């Protein structure tokens, strides 16, 4: 889908946060309070369908897991 500018709408967005409480990553690792982690929000899947429950699918990664995710995605 095209937005108001010439770029297509983003398929996903990633941003880093600091944990205030324990969190589990997508692989099952435990993130301790005070550690950094990355949240990836996907707005629609490869077929163009949006999520049924909510605005996005959220995945939690450690910074190293996110690096591996970026390398595999390309």
PDB file of N, CA and C in Angstrom:
ATOM      1  N   UNK A   1       0.840  -1.175   0.000  1.00  0.00           N
ATOM      2  CA  UNK A   1       0.000   0.000   0.000  1.00  0.00           C
ATOM      3  C   UNK A   1       0.883   1.236   0.000  1.00  0.00           C
ATOM      4  N   UNK A   2       0.435   2.234  -0.665  1.00  0.00           N
ATOM      5  CA  UNK A   2       1.198   3.472  -0.744  1.00  0.00           C
ATOM      6  C   UNK A   2       0.563   4.514   0.167  1.00  0.00           C
ATOM      7  N   UNK A   3       1.407   5.188   0.909  1.00  0.00           N
ATOM      8  CA  UNK A   3       0.946   6.251   1.787  1.00  0.00           C
ATOM      9  C   UNK A   3       0.884   7.568   1.041  1.00  0.00           C
ATOM     10  N   UNK A   4       0.990   8.659   1.754  1.00  0.00           N
ATOM     11  CA  UNK A   4       0.902   9.977   1.162  1.00  0.00           C
ATOM     12  C   UNK A   4       2.194  10.357   0.437  1.00  0.00           C
ATOM     13  N   UNK A   5       3.276   9.633   0.687  1.00  0.00           N
ATOM     14  CA  UNK A   5       4.531   9.947   0.011  1.00  0.00           C
ATOM     15  C   UNK A   5       4.879   8.816  -0.964  1.00  0.00           C
ATOM     16  N   UNK A   6       6.046   8.864  -1.536  1.00  0.00           N
ATOM     17  CA  UNK A   6       6.419   7.895  -2.558  1.00  0.00           C
ATOM     18  C   UNK A   6       6.888   6.565  -1.977  1.00  0.00           C
ATOM     19  N   UNK A   7       7.133   6.497  -0.675  1.00  0.00           N
ATOM     20  CA  UNK A   7       7.597   5.254  -0.053  1.00  0.00           C
ATOM     21  C   UNK A   7       6.417   4.363   0.327  1.00  0.00           C
ATOM     22  N   UNK A   8       6.573   3.051   0.222  1.00  0.00           N
ATOM     23  CA  UNK A   8       5.485   2.167   0.662  1.00  0.00           C
ATOM     24  C   UNK A   8       5.367   2.170   2.183  1.00  0.00           C
ATOM     25  N   UNK A   9       4.204   1.796   2.677  1.00  0.00           N
ATOM     26  CA  UNK A   9       3.990   1.717   4.122  1.00  0.00           C
ATOM     27  C   UNK A   9       4.913   0.651   4.704  1.00  0.00           C
ATOM     28  N   UNK A  10       5.430   0.855   5.902  1.00  0.00           N
ATOM     29  CA  UNK A  10       6.354  -0.121   6.480  1.00  0.00           C
ATOM     30  C   UNK A  10       5.654  -1.421   6.836  1.00  0.00           C
ATOM     31  N   UNK A  11       6.350  -2.519   6.592  1.00  0.00           N
ATOM     32  CA  UNK A  11       5.831  -3.830   6.930  1.00  0.00           C
ATOM     33  C   UNK A  11       6.063  -4.139   8.401  1.00  0.00           C
ATOM     34  N   UNK A  12       7.180  -3.646   8.933  1.00  0.00           N
ATOM     35  CA  UNK A  12       7.490  -3.855  10.335  1.00  0.00           C
ATOM     36  C   UNK A  12       8.315  -2.688  10.861  1.00  0.00           C
ATOM     37  N   UNK A  13       8.336  -2.567  12.184  1.00  0.00           N
ATOM     38  CA  UNK A  13       9.092  -1.507  12.832  1.00  0.00           C
ATOM     39  C   UNK A  13       9.782  -2.110  14.042  1.00  0.00           C
ATOM     40  N   UNK A  14      11.028  -1.713  14.270  1.00  0.00           N
ATOM     41  CA  UNK A  14      11.794  -2.225  15.407  1.00  0.00           C
ATOM     42  C   UNK A  14      12.270  -1.058  16.253  1.00  0.00           C
ATOM     43  N   UNK A  15      12.248  -1.239  17.570  1.00  0.00           N
ATOM     44  CA  UNK A  15      12.775  -0.229  18.468  1.00  0.00           C
ATOM     45  C   UNK A  15      13.282  -0.905  19.733  1.00  0.00           C
ATOM     46  N   UNK A  16      14.284  -0.291  20.327  1.00  0.00           N
ATOM     47  CA  UNK A  16      14.918  -0.837  21.509  1.00  0.00           C
ATOM     48  C   UNK A  16      14.336  -0.253  22.788  1.00  0.00           C
ATOM     49  N   UNK A  17      14.234  -1.080  23.806  1.00  0.00           N
ATOM     50  CA  UNK A  17      13.710  -0.668  25.100  1.00  0.00           C
ATOM     51  C   UNK A  17      14.575  -1.248  26.212  1.00  0.00           C
ATOM     52  N   UNK A  18      14.395  -0.736  27.402  1.00  0.00           N
ATOM     53  CA  UNK A  18      15.062  -1.277  28.586  1.00  0.00           C
ATOM     54  C   UNK A  18      14.000  -1.975  29.433  1.00  0.00           C
ATOM     55  N   UNK A  19      14.303  -3.182  29.876  1.00  0.00           N
ATOM     56  CA  UNK A  19      13.341  -3.981  30.643  1.00  0.00           C
ATOM     57  C   UNK A  19      13.190  -3.427  32.054  1.00  0.00           C
ATOM     58  N   UNK A  20      11.958  -3.257  32.493  1.00  0.00           N
ATOM     59  CA  UNK A  20      11.668  -2.849  33.867  1.00  0.00           C
ATOM     60  C   UNK A  20      11.289  -4.047  34.716  1.00  0.00           C
ATOM     61  N   UNK A  21      10.953  -5.155  34.060  1.00  0.00           N
ATOM     62  CA  UNK A  21      10.596  -6.390  34.726  1.00  0.00           C
ATOM     63  C   UNK A  21      11.089  -7.525  33.842  1.00  0.00           C
ATOM     64  N   UNK A  22      11.071  -8.757  34.328  1.00  0.00           N
ATOM     65  CA  UNK A  22      11.544  -9.881  33.524  1.00  0.00           C
ATOM     66  C   UNK A  22      10.666 -10.058  32.308  1.00  0.00           C
ATOM     67  N   UNK A  23      11.306 -10.375  31.191  1.00  0.00           N
ATOM     68  CA  UNK A  23      10.586 -10.621  29.942  1.00  0.00           C
ATOM     69  C   UNK A  23      11.152 -11.852  29.273  1.00  0.00           C
ATOM     70  N   UNK A  24      10.323 -12.536  28.511  1.00  0.00           N
ATOM     71  CA  UNK A  24      10.742 -13.691  27.722  1.00  0.00           C
ATOM     72  C   UNK A  24      10.850 -13.277  26.264  1.00  0.00           C
ATOM     73  N   UNK A  25      11.921 -13.732  25.616  1.00  0.00           N
ATOM     74  CA  UNK A  25      12.094 -13.444  24.198  1.00  0.00           C
ATOM     75  C   UNK A  25      11.341 -14.474  23.372  1.00  0.00           C
ATOM     76  N   UNK A  26      11.390 -14.312  22.059  1.00  0.00           N
ATOM     77  CA  UNK A  26      10.734 -15.247  21.156  1.00  0.00           C
ATOM     78  C   UNK A  26      11.371 -16.635  21.249  1.00  0.00           C
ATOM     79  N   UNK A  27      12.656 -16.701  21.605  1.00  0.00           N
ATOM     80  CA  UNK A  27      13.340 -17.994  21.712  1.00  0.00           C
ATOM     81  C   UNK A  27      13.223 -18.606  23.106  1.00  0.00           C
ATOM     82  N   UNK A  28      12.620 -17.878  24.056  1.00  0.00           N
ATOM     83  CA  UNK A  28      12.438 -18.402  25.404  1.00  0.00           C
ATOM     84  C   UNK A  28      13.481 -17.942  26.402  1.00  0.00           C
ATOM     85  N   UNK A  29      14.430 -17.115  25.977  1.00  0.00           N
ATOM     86  CA  UNK A  29      15.435 -16.598  26.904  1.00  0.00           C
ATOM     87  C   UNK A  29      14.805 -15.567  27.833  1.00  0.00           C
ATOM     88  N   UNK A  30      15.388 -15.429  29.010  1.00  0.00           N
ATOM     89  CA  UNK A  30      14.879 -14.501  30.010  1.00  0.00           C
ATOM     90  C   UNK A  30      15.710 -13.220  29.988  1.00  0.00           C
ATOM     91  N   UNK A  31      15.029 -12.083  29.894  1.00  0.00           N
ATOM     92  CA  UNK A  31      15.695 -10.780  29.945  1.00  0.00           C
ATOM     93  C   UNK A  31      15.495 -10.230  31.349  1.00  0.00           C
ATOM     94  N   UNK A  32      16.591  -9.888  31.999  1.00  0.00           N
ATOM     95  CA  UNK A  32      16.547  -9.369  33.363  1.00  0.00           C
ATOM     96  C   UNK A  32      16.237  -7.878  33.362  1.00  0.00           C
ATOM     97  N   UNK A  33      15.697  -7.380  34.478  1.00  0.00           N
ATOM     98  CA  UNK A  33      15.445  -5.930  34.577  1.00  0.00           C
ATOM     99  C   UNK A  33      16.744  -5.140  34.402  1.00  0.00           C
ATOM    100  N   UNK A  34      16.667  -4.095  33.622  1.00  0.00           N
ATOM    101  CA  UNK A  34      17.825  -3.259  33.350  1.00  0.00           C
ATOM    102  C   UNK A  34      18.517  -3.582  32.039  1.00  0.00           C
ATOM    103  N   UNK A  35      18.253  -4.749  31.461  1.00  0.00           N
ATOM    104  CA  UNK A  35      18.882  -5.111  30.187  1.00  0.00           C
ATOM    105  C   UNK A  35      18.090  -4.528  29.027  1.00  0.00           C
ATOM    106  N   UNK A  36      18.790  -4.323  27.924  1.00  0.00           N
ATOM    107  CA  UNK A  36      18.146  -3.827  26.711  1.00  0.00           C
ATOM    108  C   UNK A  36      17.549  -4.995  25.925  1.00  0.00           C
ATOM    109  N   UNK A  37      16.461  -4.710  25.213  1.00  0.00           N
ATOM    110  CA  UNK A  37      15.855  -5.689  24.314  1.00  0.00           C
ATOM    111  C   UNK A  37      15.243  -4.954  23.136  1.00  0.00           C
ATOM    112  N   UNK A  38      14.899  -5.693  22.085  1.00  0.00           N
ATOM    113  CA  UNK A  38      14.362  -5.109  20.854  1.00  0.00           C
ATOM    114  C   UNK A  38      12.968  -5.670  20.623  1.00  0.00           C
ATOM    115  N   UNK A  39      12.010  -4.787  20.357  1.00  0.00           N
ATOM    116  CA  UNK A  39      10.645  -5.189  20.021  1.00  0.00           C
ATOM    117  C   UNK A  39      10.450  -4.952  18.528  1.00  0.00           C
ATOM    118  N   UNK A  40      10.001  -5.980  17.819  1.00  0.00           N
ATOM    119  CA  UNK A  40       9.710  -5.867  16.391  1.00  0.00           C
ATOM    120  C   UNK A  40       8.199  -5.982  16.235  1.00  0.00           C
ATOM    121  N   UNK A  41       7.584  -4.938  15.687  1.00  0.00           N
ATOM    122  CA  UNK A  41       6.149  -4.931  15.441  1.00  0.00           C
ATOM    123  C   UNK A  41       5.917  -5.150  13.955  1.00  0.00           C
ATOM    124  N   UNK A  42       5.212  -6.236  13.614  1.00  0.00           N
ATOM    125  CA  UNK A  42       4.844  -6.501  12.221  1.00  0.00           C
ATOM    126  C   UNK A  42       3.397  -6.070  12.027  1.00  0.00           C
ATOM    127  N   UNK A  43       3.160  -5.252  10.998  1.00  0.00           N
ATOM    128  CA  UNK A  43       1.828  -4.710  10.770  1.00  0.00           C
ATOM    129  C   UNK A  43       0.981  -5.564   9.838  1.00  0.00           C
ATOM    130  N   UNK A  44       1.609  -6.336   8.977  1.00  0.00           N
ATOM    131  CA  UNK A  44       0.892  -7.302   8.148  1.00  0.00           C
ATOM    132  C   UNK A  44       1.870  -8.369   7.707  1.00  0.00           C
ATOM    133  N   UNK A  45       1.344  -9.534   7.347  1.00  0.00           N
ATOM    134  CA  UNK A  45       2.210 -10.661   6.997  1.00  0.00           C
ATOM    135  C   UNK A  45       2.589 -10.618   5.515  1.00  0.00           C
ATOM    136  N   UNK A  46       3.218 -11.675   5.040  1.00  0.00           N
ATOM    137  CA  UNK A  46       3.698 -11.712   3.657  1.00  0.00           C
ATOM    138  C   UNK A  46       2.557 -11.724   2.635  1.00  0.00           C
ATOM    139  N   UNK A  47       1.387 -12.165   3.046  1.00  0.00           N
ATOM    140  CA  UNK A  47       0.232 -12.187   2.145  1.00  0.00           C
ATOM    141  C   UNK A  47      -0.547 -10.867   2.175  1.00  0.00           C
ATOM    142  N   UNK A  48      -0.138  -9.924   3.025  1.00  0.00           N
ATOM    143  CA  UNK A  48      -0.806  -8.637   3.098  1.00  0.00           C
ATOM    144  C   UNK A  48      -1.958  -8.587   4.077  1.00  0.00           C
ATOM    145  N   UNK A  49      -2.116  -9.615   4.916  1.00  0.00           N
ATOM    146  CA  UNK A  49      -3.220  -9.655   5.872  1.00  0.00           C
ATOM    147  C   UNK A  49      -2.798  -9.012   7.185  1.00  0.00           C
ATOM    148  N   UNK A  50      -3.664  -8.197   7.785  1.00  0.00           N
ATOM    149  CA  UNK A  50      -3.351  -7.609   9.097  1.00  0.00           C
ATOM    150  C   UNK A  50      -3.634  -8.618  10.208  1.00  0.00           C
ATOM    151  N   UNK A  51      -3.107  -8.371  11.413  1.00  0.00           N
ATOM    152  CA  UNK A  51      -3.410  -9.271  12.530  1.00  0.00           C
ATOM    153  C   UNK A  51      -4.888  -9.192  12.929  1.00  0.00           C
ATOM    154  N   UNK A  52      -5.420 -10.279  13.455  1.00  0.00           N
ATOM    155  CA  UNK A  52      -6.838 -10.326  13.827  1.00  0.00           C
ATOM    156  C   UNK A  52      -7.070  -9.629  15.169  1.00  0.00           C
ATOM    157  N   UNK A  53      -6.197  -9.888  16.143  1.00  0.00           N
ATOM    158  CA  UNK A  53      -6.367  -9.336  17.493  1.00  0.00           C
ATOM    159  C   UNK A  53      -5.302  -8.279  17.752  1.00  0.00           C
ATOM    160  N   UNK A  54      -5.586  -7.040  17.480  1.00  0.00           N
ATOM    161  CA  UNK A  54      -4.642  -5.964  17.747  1.00  0.00           C
ATOM    162  C   UNK A  54      -4.147  -5.311  16.469  1.00  0.00           C
ATOM    163  N   UNK A  55      -3.232  -4.358  16.645  1.00  0.00           N
ATOM    164  CA  UNK A  55      -2.711  -3.617  15.503  1.00  0.00           C
ATOM    165  C   UNK A  55      -1.457  -4.232  14.911  1.00  0.00           C
ATOM    166  N   UNK A  56      -0.744  -5.074  15.687  1.00  0.00           N
ATOM    167  CA  UNK A  56       0.500  -5.653  15.179  1.00  0.00           C
ATOM    168  C   UNK A  56       0.835  -6.921  15.937  1.00  0.00           C
ATOM    169  N   UNK A  57       1.732  -7.705  15.347  1.00  0.00           N
ATOM    170  CA  UNK A  57       2.317  -8.851  16.029  1.00  0.00           C
ATOM    171  C   UNK A  57       3.619  -8.358  16.645  1.00  0.00           C
ATOM    172  N   UNK A  58       3.799  -8.567  17.934  1.00  0.00           N
ATOM    173  CA  UNK A  58       5.000  -8.105  18.629  1.00  0.00           C
ATOM    174  C   UNK A  58       5.902  -9.292  18.935  1.00  0.00           C
ATOM    175  N   UNK A  59       7.182  -9.153  18.579  1.00  0.00           N
ATOM    176  CA  UNK A  59       8.194 -10.166  18.894  1.00  0.00           C
ATOM    177  C   UNK A  59       9.291  -9.481  19.696  1.00  0.00           C
ATOM    178  N   UNK A  60       9.771 -10.147  20.739  1.00  0.00           N
ATOM    179  CA  UNK A  60      10.817  -9.605  21.602  1.00  0.00           C
ATOM    180  C   UNK A  60      12.099 -10.371  21.348  1.00  0.00           C
ATOM    181  N   UNK A  61      13.202  -9.637  21.124  1.00  0.00           N
ATOM    182  CA  UNK A  61      14.513 -10.216  20.856  1.00  0.00           C
ATOM    183  C   UNK A  61      15.562  -9.565  21.754  1.00  0.00           C
ATOM    184  N   UNK A  62      16.619 -10.314  22.052  1.00  0.00           N
ATOM    185  CA  UNK A  62      17.810  -9.698  22.634  1.00  0.00           C
ATOM    186  C   UNK A  62      18.526  -8.970  21.494  1.00  0.00           C
ATOM    187  N   UNK A  63      19.436  -8.056  21.779  1.00  0.00           N
ATOM    188  CA  UNK A  63      20.144  -7.380  20.684  1.00  0.00           C
ATOM    189  C   UNK A  63      20.893  -8.353  19.761  1.00  0.00           C
ATOM    190  N   UNK A  64      21.482  -9.414  20.314  1.00  0.00           N
ATOM    191  CA  UNK A  64      22.185 -10.381  19.468  1.00  0.00           C
ATOM    192  C   UNK A  64      21.211 -11.192  18.621  1.00  0.00           C
ATOM    193  N   UNK A  65      20.077 -11.577  19.174  1.00  0.00           N
ATOM    194  CA  UNK A  65      19.066 -12.300  18.399  1.00  0.00           C
ATOM    195  C   UNK A  65      18.520 -11.419  17.285  1.00  0.00           C
ATOM    196  N   UNK A  66      18.374 -10.131  17.556  1.00  0.00           N
ATOM    197  CA  UNK A  66      17.885  -9.220  16.528  1.00  0.00           C
ATOM    198  C   UNK A  66      18.893  -9.071  15.395  1.00  0.00           C
ATOM    199  N   UNK A  67      20.170  -9.064  15.724  1.00  0.00           N
ATOM    200  CA  UNK A  67      21.203  -9.013  14.695  1.00  0.00           C
ATOM    201  C   UNK A  67      21.121 -10.237  13.795  1.00  0.00           C
ATOM    202  N   UNK A  68      20.959 -11.412  14.381  1.00  0.00           N
ATOM    203  CA  UNK A  68      20.819 -12.644  13.585  1.00  0.00           C
ATOM    204  C   UNK A  68      19.547 -12.585  12.742  1.00  0.00           C
ATOM    205  N   UNK A  69      18.468 -12.058  13.306  1.00  0.00           N
ATOM    206  CA  UNK A  69      17.205 -11.900  12.571  1.00  0.00           C
ATOM    207  C   UNK A  69      17.402 -10.988  11.354  1.00  0.00           C
ATOM    208  N   UNK A  70      18.126  -9.889  11.536  1.00  0.00           N
ATOM    209  CA  UNK A  70      18.380  -8.964  10.422  1.00  0.00           C
ATOM    210  C   UNK A  70      19.223  -9.622   9.338  1.00  0.00           C
ATOM    211  N   UNK A  71      20.230 -10.395   9.736  1.00  0.00           N
ATOM    212  CA  UNK A  71      21.099 -11.041   8.750  1.00  0.00           C
ATOM    213  C   UNK A  71      20.359 -12.125   7.976  1.00  0.00           C
ATOM    214  N   UNK A  72      19.463 -12.869   8.629  1.00  0.00           N
ATOM    215  CA  UNK A  72      18.707 -13.913   7.956  1.00  0.00           C
ATOM    216  C   UNK A  72      17.629 -13.337   7.053  1.00  0.00           C
ATOM    217  N   UNK A  73      17.107 -12.162   7.421  1.00  0.00           N
ATOM    218  CA  UNK A  73      16.019 -11.543   6.661  1.00  0.00           C
ATOM    219  C   UNK A  73      16.484 -11.074   5.295  1.00  0.00           C
ATOM    220  N   UNK A  74      17.685 -10.633   5.172  1.00  0.00           N
ATOM    221  CA  UNK A  74      18.188 -10.075   3.909  1.00  0.00           C
ATOM    222  C   UNK A  74      18.425 -11.140   2.866  1.00  0.00           C
TER     223      UNK A  74
END
